[in-house]
């Protein structure tokens, strides 16, 4: 009898031990990571697309929120002169790209709403911002709208800001001379055909600071 009792106790204890191992084993397996070939998906940060640019000039697609209206424009004739402007609005010294975009778009919209004769697009072919970046404006295939009755073959370049109320900075000076030099070479334009707006019409444009710089540059770096 004792032998049979001892045997039953031994078997019962063994079963309890096995049951406990099974429970622990099941719990441990449940906590193990999945198969080694299953890897969590890592979030990826999209690579920003490069700014559309040609020959160092930022495309109008980077800022303009509308297309030109050809019905309000004339085809460009062979380029033989260049005119320099300021936008003549409030002083502008912000060097961020977003600020330049907003400034250009505000000019474009103002030109489209112009009365009594609205323009078909921003009137200038190129713009230079306070950091020295060059932005494409009206396509060169279309005549500009920046000097009354003298836009034929006339490339219009505007510097963002009011240079009666602020001074031209070094980044703008260097960018203007470099870009003007490129255009003069491309279109075979001599310095005597590079004018400011006030030299072609009764206006304060391009402001005292920019006017003074242009007079000096044509005698020196652009000669």
Protein backbone atom coordinates (compact mmCIF):
# COMPACT_ATOMS: atom_id res chain seq x y z
CA UNK A 1 0.00 0.00 0.00
CA UNK A 2 2.65 2.54 0.93
CA UNK A 3 4.38 1.63 -2.28
CA UNK A 4 1.30 2.39 -4.37
CA UNK A 5 0.68 5.66 -2.45
CA UNK A 6 4.25 6.74 -2.92
CA UNK A 7 3.99 5.89 -6.60
CA UNK A 8 0.82 8.05 -7.01
CA UNK A 9 2.39 11.03 -5.24
CA UNK A 10 5.47 10.78 -7.39
CA UNK A 11 3.44 10.69 -10.62
CA UNK A 12 1.24 13.57 -9.51
CA UNK A 13 4.24 15.74 -8.67
CA UNK A 14 5.84 14.93 -11.96
CA UNK A 15 2.71 15.99 -13.87
CA UNK A 16 2.54 19.28 -11.97
CA UNK A 17 6.15 19.98 -12.77
CA UNK A 18 5.58 19.23 -16.45
CA UNK A 19 2.50 21.41 -16.52
CA UNK A 20 4.44 24.28 -14.97
CA UNK A 21 7.28 23.98 -17.51
CA UNK A 22 4.76 23.93 -20.33
CA UNK A 23 3.12 27.12 -19.09
CA UNK A 24 6.45 28.92 -18.67
CA UNK A 25 7.65 27.73 -22.04
CA UNK A 26 4.46 28.92 -23.76
CA UNK A 27 4.70 32.33 -22.10
CA UNK A 28 8.38 32.72 -23.00
CA UNK A 29 7.75 31.82 -26.63
CA UNK A 30 4.94 34.30 -26.82
CA UNK A 31 7.35 37.04 -25.79
CA UNK A 32 10.05 36.16 -28.32
CA UNK A 33 10.41 38.37 -31.42
CA UNK A 34 9.06 37.15 -34.74
CA UNK A 35 11.08 35.25 -37.34
CA UNK A 36 14.38 36.86 -38.19
CA UNK A 37 13.25 37.53 -41.79
CA UNK A 38 10.37 39.73 -40.60
CA UNK A 39 11.72 43.21 -40.03
CA UNK A 40 9.75 46.27 -39.00
CA UNK A 41 9.24 48.82 -41.74
CA UNK A 42 11.39 51.86 -41.09
CA UNK A 43 9.81 55.21 -41.92
CA UNK A 44 11.66 56.94 -44.71
CA UNK A 45 12.08 60.66 -45.11
CA UNK A 46 11.49 61.69 -48.74
CA UNK A 47 14.44 63.32 -50.39
CA UNK A 48 13.48 66.87 -51.33
CA UNK A 49 13.44 67.43 -55.07
CA UNK A 50 16.09 69.85 -56.28
CA UNK A 51 14.99 73.38 -57.05
CA UNK A 52 14.33 73.72 -60.78
CA UNK A 53 17.26 75.77 -62.08
CA UNK A 54 18.93 76.53 -65.40
CA UNK A 55 22.37 78.17 -65.58
CA UNK A 56 22.04 79.30 -61.98
CA UNK A 57 18.62 80.89 -62.56
CA UNK A 58 15.67 79.61 -60.50
CA UNK A 59 12.76 78.63 -62.72
CA UNK A 60 9.51 80.61 -62.59
CA UNK A 61 7.84 77.27 -61.79
CA UNK A 62 9.42 77.55 -58.34
CA UNK A 63 7.38 80.63 -57.44
CA UNK A 64 4.68 81.63 -59.98
CA UNK A 65 1.13 80.51 -59.19
CA UNK A 66 -0.17 81.13 -62.68
CA UNK A 67 0.82 80.96 -66.33
CA UNK A 68 1.43 83.91 -68.68
CA UNK A 69 -1.51 85.19 -70.72
CA UNK A 70 -0.24 85.35 -74.33
CA UNK A 71 -3.19 87.45 -75.47
CA UNK A 72 -1.79 90.39 -73.48
CA UNK A 73 1.83 90.06 -74.64
CA UNK A 74 3.92 90.53 -77.78
CA UNK A 75 6.62 88.26 -79.09
CA UNK A 76 10.14 89.31 -78.17
CA UNK A 77 12.27 90.83 -80.89
CA UNK A 78 16.05 90.22 -80.94
CA UNK A 79 17.47 91.39 -77.61
CA UNK A 80 19.75 94.40 -77.99
CA UNK A 81 19.49 96.24 -74.68
CA UNK A 82 19.01 95.66 -70.92
CA UNK A 83 17.18 97.81 -68.37
CA UNK A 84 17.64 97.66 -64.59
CA UNK A 85 14.81 98.32 -62.12
CA UNK A 86 13.86 98.05 -58.46
CA UNK A 87 10.36 96.93 -57.52
CA UNK A 88 9.83 100.23 -55.66
CA UNK A 89 7.64 98.68 -52.98
CA UNK A 90 8.49 98.59 -49.27
CA UNK A 91 12.13 97.96 -48.29
CA UNK A 92 12.95 94.27 -48.57
CA UNK A 93 15.95 92.65 -46.89
CA UNK A 94 14.64 89.13 -46.18
CA UNK A 95 17.05 86.53 -47.62
CA UNK A 96 14.74 83.51 -47.33
CA UNK A 97 13.51 81.79 -50.46
CA UNK A 98 9.91 81.78 -49.22
CA UNK A 99 9.94 85.57 -48.81
CA UNK A 100 11.35 86.04 -52.33
CA UNK A 101 8.66 83.74 -53.74
CA UNK A 102 5.92 85.74 -52.03
CA UNK A 103 7.39 89.05 -53.19
CA UNK A 104 7.58 87.89 -56.81
CA UNK A 105 4.06 86.50 -56.76
CA UNK A 106 2.70 89.75 -55.30
CA UNK A 107 4.35 91.69 -58.15
CA UNK A 108 2.99 89.27 -60.75
CA UNK A 109 -0.55 89.61 -59.41
CA UNK A 110 -0.29 93.39 -59.25
CA UNK A 111 0.81 93.47 -62.89
CA UNK A 112 -2.08 91.20 -63.91
CA UNK A 113 -4.54 93.56 -62.16
CA UNK A 114 -2.96 96.72 -63.51
CA UNK A 115 -5.42 99.37 -64.71
CA UNK A 116 -6.32 100.46 -67.31
CA UNK A 117 -4.14 97.97 -69.20
CA UNK A 118 -3.36 94.73 -67.31
CA UNK A 119 -0.16 92.91 -68.20
CA UNK A 120 -0.08 89.30 -69.37
CA UNK A 121 2.50 88.32 -66.74
CA UNK A 122 5.08 89.84 -64.40
CA UNK A 123 6.70 92.63 -66.42
CA UNK A 124 10.35 91.67 -65.82
CA UNK A 125 12.33 88.81 -67.32
CA UNK A 126 14.55 88.28 -64.28
CA UNK A 127 14.68 89.26 -60.61
CA UNK A 128 17.52 89.32 -58.06
CA UNK A 129 16.67 88.92 -54.37
CA UNK A 130 18.59 90.27 -51.32
CA UNK A 131 20.66 87.07 -51.05
CA UNK A 132 21.84 87.37 -54.67
CA UNK A 133 19.69 84.58 -56.09
CA UNK A 134 18.47 85.11 -59.65
CA UNK A 135 14.85 84.19 -60.45
CA UNK A 136 13.27 83.75 -63.88
CA UNK A 137 10.26 85.98 -64.51
CA UNK A 138 8.44 86.52 -67.78
CA UNK A 139 9.69 84.04 -70.40
CA UNK A 140 12.28 85.64 -72.68
CA UNK A 141 10.21 84.60 -75.70
CA UNK A 142 7.76 87.36 -74.71
CA UNK A 143 8.47 91.08 -74.79
CA UNK A 144 8.67 92.60 -71.31
CA UNK A 145 6.48 95.31 -69.81
CA UNK A 146 8.89 97.49 -67.86
CA UNK A 147 9.69 100.63 -69.91
CA UNK A 148 6.74 102.31 -71.62
CA UNK A 149 7.02 102.17 -75.43
CA UNK A 150 10.61 100.87 -75.20
CA UNK A 151 10.18 97.17 -74.47
CA UNK A 152 11.10 95.85 -77.91
CA UNK A 153 14.27 93.77 -77.61
CA UNK A 154 14.70 95.08 -74.06
CA UNK A 155 15.61 92.58 -71.32
CA UNK A 156 14.11 93.68 -67.99
CA UNK A 157 15.90 92.89 -64.71
CA UNK A 158 14.44 93.93 -61.35
CA UNK A 159 16.07 93.91 -57.93
CA UNK A 160 13.60 93.11 -55.17
CA UNK A 161 13.35 96.03 -52.76
CA UNK A 162 13.20 99.82 -52.70
CA UNK A 163 16.63 101.34 -53.28
CA UNK A 164 15.52 104.85 -52.46
CA UNK A 165 14.91 103.58 -48.92
CA UNK A 166 17.57 100.88 -48.55
CA UNK A 167 21.11 100.24 -49.74
CA UNK A 168 22.26 97.59 -52.16
CA UNK A 169 24.15 94.84 -50.34
CA UNK A 170 27.33 93.09 -51.50
CA UNK A 171 25.55 89.83 -52.45
CA UNK A 172 23.25 91.75 -54.78
CA UNK A 173 26.08 93.78 -56.27
CA UNK A 174 28.10 90.67 -57.07
CA UNK A 175 25.09 88.81 -58.45
CA UNK A 176 24.01 91.75 -60.59
CA UNK A 177 27.46 92.25 -62.13
CA UNK A 178 27.90 88.52 -62.74
CA UNK A 179 24.45 88.02 -64.25
CA UNK A 180 24.59 91.20 -66.31
CA UNK A 181 27.98 90.15 -67.64
CA UNK A 182 26.55 86.80 -68.73
CA UNK A 183 23.60 88.42 -70.52
CA UNK A 184 25.80 91.03 -72.18
CA UNK A 185 28.02 88.27 -73.50
CA UNK A 186 25.10 86.09 -74.62
CA UNK A 187 23.37 88.88 -76.54
CA UNK A 188 26.52 90.83 -77.48
CA UNK A 189 25.38 93.96 -75.66
CA UNK A 190 27.85 96.70 -74.82
CA UNK A 191 27.71 98.63 -71.55
CA UNK A 192 26.28 101.72 -73.25
CA UNK A 193 23.16 99.64 -73.98
CA UNK A 194 22.68 98.72 -70.33
CA UNK A 195 20.48 101.40 -68.79
CA UNK A 196 18.47 102.06 -65.66
CA UNK A 197 14.79 102.85 -65.86
CA UNK A 198 15.25 106.53 -64.99
CA UNK A 199 17.73 106.91 -67.84
CA UNK A 200 15.00 105.91 -70.27
CA UNK A 201 11.90 107.52 -68.71
CA UNK A 202 10.96 110.10 -66.05
CA UNK A 203 10.90 107.91 -62.93
CA UNK A 204 12.77 107.45 -59.65
CA UNK A 205 13.36 103.78 -60.48
CA UNK A 206 15.76 102.07 -59.69
CA UNK A 207 16.34 104.21 -56.59
CA UNK A 208 19.38 106.23 -55.55
CA UNK A 209 21.49 103.35 -54.22
CA UNK A 210 21.03 101.13 -57.27
CA UNK A 211 21.40 104.06 -59.69
CA UNK A 212 24.71 105.05 -58.10
CA UNK A 213 25.97 101.46 -58.30
CA UNK A 214 25.01 101.06 -61.95
CA UNK A 215 26.80 104.27 -62.98
CA UNK A 216 29.93 103.01 -61.21
CA UNK A 217 29.69 99.44 -62.56
CA UNK A 218 29.40 100.55 -66.19
CA UNK A 219 32.63 102.49 -65.80
CA UNK A 220 34.38 99.62 -64.09
CA UNK A 221 33.33 95.98 -63.77
CA UNK A 222 30.89 96.08 -66.71
CA UNK A 223 32.97 98.28 -69.02
